[in-house]
Amino acid sequence: MKTKFAVIAATLLAAGPVFADGHGASGDAEAGEKAFRQCISCHVVVNEAGETLAGKAAKTGPNLYGVAGRVAGSVEDFRYSKLLEAANGAGVTYDEDTFVHFIMDPSGYMSEATGEKGRSKMSYRARKEDDAKNIYAYLTSLAAE
């Protein structure tokens, strides 16, 4: 019985960092912080306490706090494009893969994911997949704090 408990405890302790690193983010959060500088002209990261964790007072794009695991187009009181509203209705949820594909081709990815034609309001595109993964890792690290 003690051995079984020890194995379970060891497994849970080993799994801790996987959950702490933010929804399975494979990127480098430190590199993501640098890459996120391209995003701060439109986005901000503000936690539930109202503390600004990243960005400035930008309101062109939605708050990205807690984006990992969030349904697309679901920040309250933000006016999304019809395409992102369709993504919300379809239940498109941001995990690393979805986030990476979205920021590399916002309109193309959401059109494919929803089956709807349209344009995202986001004009920025990450040029490199590593940058997109790093931004995701950075954003999930902020939510983990």
N, C-alpha and C. Protein backbone atom coordinates (compact mmCIF):
# COMPACT_ATOMS: atom_id res chain seq x y z
N MET A 1 0.82 -1.19 0.00
CA MET A 1 0.00 0.00 0.00
C MET A 1 0.86 1.26 0.00
N LYS A 2 1.93 1.25 0.84
CA LYS A 2 2.81 2.42 0.88
C LYS A 2 3.51 2.62 -0.45
N THR A 3 3.88 1.52 -1.11
CA THR A 3 4.55 1.62 -2.40
C THR A 3 3.61 2.23 -3.43
N LYS A 4 2.35 1.81 -3.43
CA LYS A 4 1.37 2.35 -4.37
C LYS A 4 1.19 3.85 -4.15
N PHE A 5 1.10 4.26 -2.88
CA PHE A 5 0.96 5.68 -2.55
C PHE A 5 2.19 6.46 -3.03
N ALA A 6 3.37 5.89 -2.81
CA ALA A 6 4.61 6.56 -3.20
C ALA A 6 4.67 6.74 -4.71
N VAL A 7 4.23 5.75 -5.46
CA VAL A 7 4.22 5.84 -6.93
C VAL A 7 3.25 6.91 -7.38
N ILE A 8 2.07 6.95 -6.79
CA ILE A 8 1.07 7.97 -7.15
C ILE A 8 1.59 9.36 -6.80
N ALA A 9 2.15 9.51 -5.61
CA ALA A 9 2.69 10.82 -5.19
C ALA A 9 3.81 11.27 -6.11
N ALA A 10 4.70 10.37 -6.46
CA ALA A 10 5.81 10.72 -7.35
C ALA A 10 5.29 11.13 -8.72
N THR A 11 4.28 10.44 -9.21
CA THR A 11 3.68 10.76 -10.51
C THR A 11 3.07 12.16 -10.49
N LEU A 12 2.32 12.47 -9.42
CA LEU A 12 1.70 13.78 -9.32
C LEU A 12 2.74 14.89 -9.18
N LEU A 13 3.77 14.66 -8.42
CA LEU A 13 4.83 15.65 -8.28
C LEU A 13 5.54 15.90 -9.60
N ALA A 14 5.76 14.86 -10.36
CA ALA A 14 6.42 15.00 -11.66
C ALA A 14 5.52 15.72 -12.65
N ALA A 15 4.21 15.54 -12.51
CA ALA A 15 3.26 16.17 -13.43
C ALA A 15 3.07 17.64 -13.12
N GLY A 16 3.39 18.08 -11.91
CA GLY A 16 3.19 19.47 -11.51
C GLY A 16 3.72 20.48 -12.48
N PRO A 17 4.98 20.38 -12.90
CA PRO A 17 5.51 21.36 -13.83
C PRO A 17 4.78 21.38 -15.17
N VAL A 18 4.23 20.26 -15.58
CA VAL A 18 3.50 20.23 -16.84
C VAL A 18 2.29 21.15 -16.75
N PHE A 19 1.57 21.10 -15.62
CA PHE A 19 0.41 21.95 -15.46
C PHE A 19 0.83 23.39 -15.18
N ALA A 20 1.90 23.59 -14.48
CA ALA A 20 2.35 24.93 -14.13
C ALA A 20 2.86 25.71 -15.33
N ASP A 21 3.34 24.99 -16.35
CA ASP A 21 3.91 25.72 -17.48
C ASP A 21 2.84 26.26 -18.41
N GLY A 22 1.60 26.04 -18.10
CA GLY A 22 0.54 26.70 -18.84
C GLY A 22 0.04 25.93 -20.02
N HIS A 23 -0.85 25.03 -19.80
CA HIS A 23 -1.58 24.36 -20.87
C HIS A 23 -0.68 23.71 -21.92
N GLY A 24 0.39 23.11 -21.49
CA GLY A 24 1.24 22.37 -22.41
C GLY A 24 2.01 23.23 -23.39
N ALA A 25 2.34 24.43 -23.01
CA ALA A 25 3.08 25.33 -23.89
C ALA A 25 4.48 24.77 -24.13
N SER A 26 4.84 24.64 -25.41
CA SER A 26 6.15 24.08 -25.74
C SER A 26 7.19 25.16 -26.03
N GLY A 27 6.75 26.40 -26.13
CA GLY A 27 7.67 27.47 -26.47
C GLY A 27 8.48 27.97 -25.29
N ASP A 28 9.28 28.98 -25.55
CA ASP A 28 10.14 29.61 -24.57
C ASP A 28 9.49 30.93 -24.14
N ALA A 29 9.01 30.98 -22.89
CA ALA A 29 8.30 32.16 -22.40
C ALA A 29 9.17 33.41 -22.43
N GLU A 30 10.46 33.27 -22.15
CA GLU A 30 11.36 34.43 -22.16
C GLU A 30 11.48 35.00 -23.58
N ALA A 31 11.63 34.13 -24.55
CA ALA A 31 11.67 34.58 -25.95
C ALA A 31 10.31 35.14 -26.36
N GLY A 32 9.25 34.56 -25.81
CA GLY A 32 7.90 35.03 -26.09
C GLY A 32 7.65 36.43 -25.58
N GLU A 33 8.27 36.76 -24.45
CA GLU A 33 8.12 38.11 -23.92
C GLU A 33 8.68 39.12 -24.92
N LYS A 34 9.81 38.80 -25.51
CA LYS A 34 10.41 39.69 -26.52
C LYS A 34 9.54 39.75 -27.77
N ALA A 35 9.05 38.60 -28.22
CA ALA A 35 8.21 38.56 -29.42
C ALA A 35 6.88 39.28 -29.19
N PHE A 36 6.39 39.26 -27.94
CA PHE A 36 5.11 39.90 -27.63
C PHE A 36 5.16 41.42 -27.80
N ARG A 37 6.34 41.98 -27.84
CA ARG A 37 6.47 43.43 -28.03
C ARG A 37 5.80 43.89 -29.32
N GLN A 38 5.68 42.99 -30.30
CA GLN A 38 5.01 43.31 -31.55
C GLN A 38 3.50 43.38 -31.36
N CYS A 39 3.01 42.84 -30.26
CA CYS A 39 1.57 42.73 -30.01
C CYS A 39 1.03 43.86 -29.15
N ILE A 40 1.92 44.58 -28.44
CA ILE A 40 1.46 45.53 -27.43
C ILE A 40 0.83 46.79 -27.99
N SER A 41 0.97 47.03 -29.27
CA SER A 41 0.30 48.20 -29.83
C SER A 41 -1.21 47.97 -29.89
N CYS A 42 -1.64 46.71 -29.85
CA CYS A 42 -3.08 46.39 -29.90
C CYS A 42 -3.59 45.67 -28.66
N HIS A 43 -2.75 44.86 -28.04
CA HIS A 43 -3.19 44.00 -26.93
C HIS A 43 -2.55 44.37 -25.61
N VAL A 44 -3.25 44.01 -24.56
CA VAL A 44 -2.78 44.18 -23.20
C VAL A 44 -3.08 42.88 -22.46
N VAL A 45 -2.35 42.65 -21.39
CA VAL A 45 -2.61 41.49 -20.53
C VAL A 45 -2.87 42.05 -19.13
N VAL A 46 -4.14 42.00 -18.72
CA VAL A 46 -4.55 42.53 -17.42
C VAL A 46 -5.25 41.40 -16.67
N ASN A 47 -4.77 41.11 -15.45
CA ASN A 47 -5.36 40.02 -14.67
C ASN A 47 -6.66 40.43 -14.01
N GLU A 48 -7.28 39.49 -13.27
CA GLU A 48 -8.58 39.74 -12.63
C GLU A 48 -8.50 40.87 -11.60
N ALA A 49 -7.33 41.09 -11.00
CA ALA A 49 -7.16 42.14 -10.00
C ALA A 49 -6.98 43.52 -10.65
N GLY A 50 -6.94 43.56 -11.99
CA GLY A 50 -6.77 44.82 -12.70
C GLY A 50 -5.33 45.24 -12.89
N GLU A 51 -4.39 44.34 -12.57
CA GLU A 51 -2.97 44.65 -12.75
C GLU A 51 -2.56 44.40 -14.20
N THR A 52 -1.87 45.36 -14.79
CA THR A 52 -1.36 45.18 -16.14
C THR A 52 -0.06 44.39 -16.06
N LEU A 53 -0.08 43.20 -16.65
CA LEU A 53 1.07 42.31 -16.63
C LEU A 53 1.95 42.49 -17.86
N ALA A 54 1.35 42.93 -18.94
CA ALA A 54 2.09 43.15 -20.19
C ALA A 54 1.30 44.10 -21.07
N GLY A 55 2.02 44.81 -21.89
CA GLY A 55 1.37 45.74 -22.80
C GLY A 55 1.14 47.09 -22.15
N LYS A 56 0.36 47.89 -22.84
CA LYS A 56 0.05 49.24 -22.38
C LYS A 56 -1.46 49.34 -22.25
N ALA A 57 -2.01 50.46 -22.52
CA ALA A 57 -3.45 50.64 -22.41
C ALA A 57 -4.15 50.35 -23.74
N ALA A 58 -3.55 49.52 -24.57
CA ALA A 58 -4.10 49.23 -25.89
C ALA A 58 -5.46 48.55 -25.79
N LYS A 59 -6.38 48.96 -26.64
CA LYS A 59 -7.71 48.36 -26.63
C LYS A 59 -8.17 47.99 -28.04
N THR A 60 -7.25 48.02 -28.98
CA THR A 60 -7.62 47.64 -30.34
C THR A 60 -7.94 46.16 -30.39
N GLY A 61 -7.18 45.36 -29.64
CA GLY A 61 -7.41 43.93 -29.55
C GLY A 61 -7.86 43.58 -28.14
N PRO A 62 -8.41 42.40 -27.95
CA PRO A 62 -8.90 42.01 -26.62
C PRO A 62 -7.76 41.73 -25.64
N ASN A 63 -8.10 41.76 -24.37
CA ASN A 63 -7.18 41.40 -23.29
C ASN A 63 -6.79 39.94 -23.50
N LEU A 64 -5.51 39.64 -23.45
CA LEU A 64 -5.03 38.28 -23.68
C LEU A 64 -4.75 37.50 -22.41
N TYR A 65 -5.15 38.05 -21.27
CA TYR A 65 -4.97 37.31 -20.02
C TYR A 65 -5.86 36.07 -20.04
N GLY A 66 -5.27 34.93 -19.77
CA GLY A 66 -6.03 33.68 -19.74
C GLY A 66 -6.47 33.18 -21.10
N VAL A 67 -5.74 33.54 -22.14
CA VAL A 67 -6.14 33.13 -23.50
C VAL A 67 -6.08 31.61 -23.67
N ALA A 68 -5.16 30.96 -22.99
CA ALA A 68 -5.06 29.49 -23.10
C ALA A 68 -6.30 28.84 -22.51
N GLY A 69 -6.98 28.08 -23.31
CA GLY A 69 -8.21 27.41 -22.87
C GLY A 69 -9.47 28.23 -23.06
N ARG A 70 -9.31 29.46 -23.54
CA ARG A 70 -10.47 30.34 -23.74
C ARG A 70 -11.11 30.08 -25.11
N VAL A 71 -12.41 30.22 -25.18
CA VAL A 71 -13.12 30.11 -26.44
C VAL A 71 -12.86 31.39 -27.22
N ALA A 72 -12.58 31.26 -28.50
CA ALA A 72 -12.31 32.42 -29.35
C ALA A 72 -13.48 33.40 -29.30
N GLY A 73 -13.17 34.67 -29.35
CA GLY A 73 -14.21 35.69 -29.40
C GLY A 73 -15.07 35.79 -28.15
N SER A 74 -14.47 35.57 -26.98
CA SER A 74 -15.29 35.51 -25.77
C SER A 74 -14.95 36.54 -24.70
N VAL A 75 -14.10 37.52 -25.00
CA VAL A 75 -13.82 38.56 -24.02
C VAL A 75 -15.03 39.49 -23.98
N GLU A 76 -15.59 39.61 -22.80
CA GLU A 76 -16.81 40.40 -22.61
C GLU A 76 -16.61 41.84 -23.04
N ASP A 77 -17.61 42.39 -23.70
CA ASP A 77 -17.64 43.78 -24.14
C ASP A 77 -16.62 44.13 -25.22
N PHE A 78 -16.01 43.12 -25.84
CA PHE A 78 -15.11 43.41 -26.95
C PHE A 78 -15.87 43.16 -28.25
N ARG A 79 -15.72 44.05 -29.21
CA ARG A 79 -16.43 43.92 -30.50
C ARG A 79 -15.56 43.15 -31.48
N TYR A 80 -15.94 41.92 -31.73
CA TYR A 80 -15.20 41.03 -32.62
C TYR A 80 -15.75 41.11 -34.04
N SER A 81 -14.94 40.63 -34.98
CA SER A 81 -15.41 40.51 -36.36
C SER A 81 -16.44 39.40 -36.43
N LYS A 82 -17.20 39.39 -37.50
CA LYS A 82 -18.20 38.33 -37.69
C LYS A 82 -17.53 36.96 -37.73
N LEU A 83 -16.33 36.91 -38.26
CA LEU A 83 -15.60 35.64 -38.34
C LEU A 83 -15.25 35.12 -36.94
N LEU A 84 -14.80 36.00 -36.06
CA LEU A 84 -14.48 35.58 -34.69
C LEU A 84 -15.75 35.26 -33.91
N GLU A 85 -16.85 35.94 -34.22
CA GLU A 85 -18.13 35.60 -33.61
C GLU A 85 -18.55 34.19 -34.04
N ALA A 86 -18.30 33.86 -35.31
CA ALA A 86 -18.59 32.51 -35.79
C ALA A 86 -17.70 31.48 -35.09
N ALA A 87 -16.44 31.82 -34.86
CA ALA A 87 -15.53 30.94 -34.14
C ALA A 87 -16.03 30.71 -32.72
N ASN A 88 -16.55 31.75 -32.10
CA ASN A 88 -17.12 31.63 -30.77
C ASN A 88 -18.31 30.67 -30.80
N GLY A 89 -19.19 30.86 -31.76
CA GLY A 89 -20.36 30.00 -31.89
C GLY A 89 -20.00 28.55 -32.16
N ALA A 90 -18.87 28.35 -32.85
CA ALA A 90 -18.41 26.99 -33.16
C ALA A 90 -17.62 26.39 -32.00
N GLY A 91 -17.34 27.20 -30.98
CA GLY A 91 -16.61 26.69 -29.82
C GLY A 91 -15.12 26.50 -30.06
N VAL A 92 -14.55 27.25 -31.01
CA VAL A 92 -13.11 27.17 -31.25
C VAL A 92 -12.40 27.64 -29.99
N THR A 93 -11.55 26.80 -29.45
CA THR A 93 -10.87 27.09 -28.19
C THR A 93 -9.37 27.19 -28.41
N TYR A 94 -8.75 28.17 -27.76
CA TYR A 94 -7.32 28.36 -27.92
C TYR A 94 -6.52 27.39 -27.06
N ASP A 95 -5.85 26.48 -27.75
CA ASP A 95 -4.77 25.70 -27.15
C ASP A 95 -3.54 26.13 -27.94
N GLU A 96 -2.41 25.53 -27.69
CA GLU A 96 -1.21 25.98 -28.39
C GLU A 96 -1.36 25.87 -29.90
N ASP A 97 -1.85 24.76 -30.39
CA ASP A 97 -1.96 24.55 -31.83
C ASP A 97 -2.90 25.58 -32.47
N THR A 98 -4.06 25.79 -31.87
CA THR A 98 -5.02 26.76 -32.40
C THR A 98 -4.43 28.16 -32.38
N PHE A 99 -3.84 28.54 -31.26
CA PHE A 99 -3.26 29.87 -31.11
C PHE A 99 -2.17 30.11 -32.15
N VAL A 100 -1.28 29.15 -32.31
CA VAL A 100 -0.18 29.28 -33.26
C VAL A 100 -0.71 29.46 -34.68
N HIS A 101 -1.64 28.61 -35.07
CA HIS A 101 -2.18 28.73 -36.43
C HIS A 101 -2.94 30.04 -36.62
N PHE A 102 -3.66 30.45 -35.58
CA PHE A 102 -4.42 31.70 -35.67
C PHE A 102 -3.49 32.89 -35.87
N ILE A 103 -2.45 33.03 -35.04
CA ILE A 103 -1.64 34.24 -35.19
C ILE A 103 -0.71 34.20 -36.40
N MET A 104 -0.60 33.05 -37.02
CA MET A 104 0.18 32.98 -38.25
C MET A 104 -0.68 33.32 -39.47
N ASP A 105 -2.00 33.12 -39.37
CA ASP A 105 -2.93 33.44 -40.46
C ASP A 105 -4.32 33.61 -39.86
N PRO A 106 -4.60 34.77 -39.24
CA PRO A 106 -5.85 34.95 -38.51
C PRO A 106 -7.11 34.66 -39.33
N SER A 107 -7.25 35.29 -40.47
CA SER A 107 -8.46 35.09 -41.26
C SER A 107 -8.53 33.69 -41.86
N GLY A 108 -7.42 33.25 -42.41
CA GLY A 108 -7.38 31.93 -43.04
C GLY A 108 -7.69 30.82 -42.06
N TYR A 109 -7.07 30.88 -40.89
CA TYR A 109 -7.29 29.82 -39.90
C TYR A 109 -8.73 29.81 -39.42
N MET A 110 -9.27 30.95 -39.05
CA MET A 110 -10.64 30.97 -38.53
C MET A 110 -11.66 30.63 -39.60
N SER A 111 -11.40 30.99 -40.84
CA SER A 111 -12.30 30.58 -41.93
C SER A 111 -12.30 29.07 -42.07
N GLU A 112 -11.12 28.48 -41.99
CA GLU A 112 -11.01 27.03 -42.08
C GLU A 112 -11.66 26.35 -40.87
N ALA A 113 -11.45 26.89 -39.69
CA ALA A 113 -11.97 26.29 -38.46
C ALA A 113 -13.49 26.36 -38.37
N THR A 114 -14.08 27.42 -38.95
CA THR A 114 -15.52 27.62 -38.83
C THR A 114 -16.30 27.25 -40.09
N GLY A 115 -15.61 27.20 -41.23
CA GLY A 115 -16.31 26.98 -42.49
C GLY A 115 -16.96 28.24 -43.01
N GLU A 116 -16.70 29.36 -42.35
CA GLU A 116 -17.27 30.66 -42.74
C GLU A 116 -16.24 31.47 -43.50
N LYS A 117 -16.71 32.29 -44.42
CA LYS A 117 -15.81 33.22 -45.09
C LYS A 117 -15.83 34.51 -44.29
N GLY A 118 -14.70 35.19 -44.28
CA GLY A 118 -14.65 36.45 -43.56
C GLY A 118 -13.23 36.86 -43.27
N ARG A 119 -13.13 37.95 -42.53
CA ARG A 119 -11.82 38.48 -42.17
C ARG A 119 -11.77 38.73 -40.67
N SER A 120 -10.64 38.41 -40.12
CA SER A 120 -10.36 38.75 -38.74
C SER A 120 -9.92 40.20 -38.72
N LYS A 121 -10.15 40.89 -37.62
CA LYS A 121 -9.67 42.26 -37.50
C LYS A 121 -8.17 42.32 -37.22
N MET A 122 -7.59 41.17 -36.86
CA MET A 122 -6.17 41.15 -36.52
C MET A 122 -5.33 41.18 -37.79
N SER A 123 -4.52 42.22 -37.92
CA SER A 123 -3.70 42.36 -39.12
C SER A 123 -2.30 41.76 -38.94
N TYR A 124 -1.86 41.63 -37.69
CA TYR A 124 -0.54 41.07 -37.42
C TYR A 124 -0.51 39.58 -37.76
N ARG A 125 0.61 39.13 -38.28
CA ARG A 125 0.85 37.71 -38.50
C ARG A 125 2.24 37.37 -38.00
N ALA A 126 2.31 36.35 -37.18
CA ALA A 126 3.64 35.86 -36.77
C ALA A 126 4.28 35.23 -38.01
N ARG A 127 5.52 35.54 -38.25
CA ARG A 127 6.19 35.01 -39.44
C ARG A 127 6.76 33.62 -39.20
N LYS A 128 7.13 33.35 -37.95
CA LYS A 128 7.76 32.07 -37.64
C LYS A 128 6.93 31.32 -36.60
N GLU A 129 6.81 30.02 -36.80
CA GLU A 129 6.06 29.19 -35.88
C GLU A 129 6.66 29.25 -34.47
N ASP A 130 7.98 29.30 -34.39
CA ASP A 130 8.63 29.39 -33.08
C ASP A 130 8.22 30.66 -32.35
N ASP A 131 8.12 31.78 -33.06
CA ASP A 131 7.68 33.02 -32.42
C ASP A 131 6.27 32.87 -31.87
N ALA A 132 5.39 32.25 -32.65
CA ALA A 132 4.01 32.05 -32.22
C ALA A 132 3.95 31.15 -30.98
N LYS A 133 4.73 30.08 -30.97
CA LYS A 133 4.77 29.19 -29.81
C LYS A 133 5.34 29.90 -28.59
N ASN A 134 6.33 30.74 -28.82
CA ASN A 134 6.94 31.47 -27.71
C ASN A 134 5.97 32.50 -27.12
N ILE A 135 5.21 33.17 -27.96
CA ILE A 135 4.20 34.12 -27.47
C ILE A 135 3.16 33.38 -26.65
N TYR A 136 2.72 32.24 -27.13
CA TYR A 136 1.75 31.43 -26.38
C TYR A 136 2.33 31.03 -25.01
N ALA A 137 3.58 30.61 -25.00
CA ALA A 137 4.22 30.22 -23.73
C ALA A 137 4.29 31.42 -22.79
N TYR A 138 4.60 32.58 -23.31
CA TYR A 138 4.67 33.79 -22.49
C TYR A 138 3.31 34.13 -21.91
N LEU A 139 2.30 34.13 -22.74
CA LEU A 139 0.95 34.47 -22.26
C LEU A 139 0.46 33.47 -21.21
N THR A 140 0.72 32.19 -21.42
CA THR A 140 0.29 31.20 -20.43
C THR A 140 1.09 31.33 -19.14
N SER A 141 2.34 31.77 -19.24
CA SER A 141 3.13 31.96 -18.01
C SER A 141 2.57 33.11 -17.19
N LEU A 142 2.03 34.12 -17.83
CA LEU A 142 1.44 35.25 -17.11
C LEU A 142 0.17 34.81 -16.37
N ALA A 143 -0.61 33.97 -17.00
CA ALA A 143 -1.83 33.49 -16.36
C ALA A 143 -1.51 32.57 -15.20
N ALA A 144 -0.39 31.85 -15.29
CA ALA A 144 0.01 30.93 -14.22
C ALA A 144 0.43 31.69 -12.96
N GLU A 145 0.89 32.93 -13.15
CA GLU A 145 1.30 33.74 -12.00
C GLU A 145 0.07 34.13 -11.23
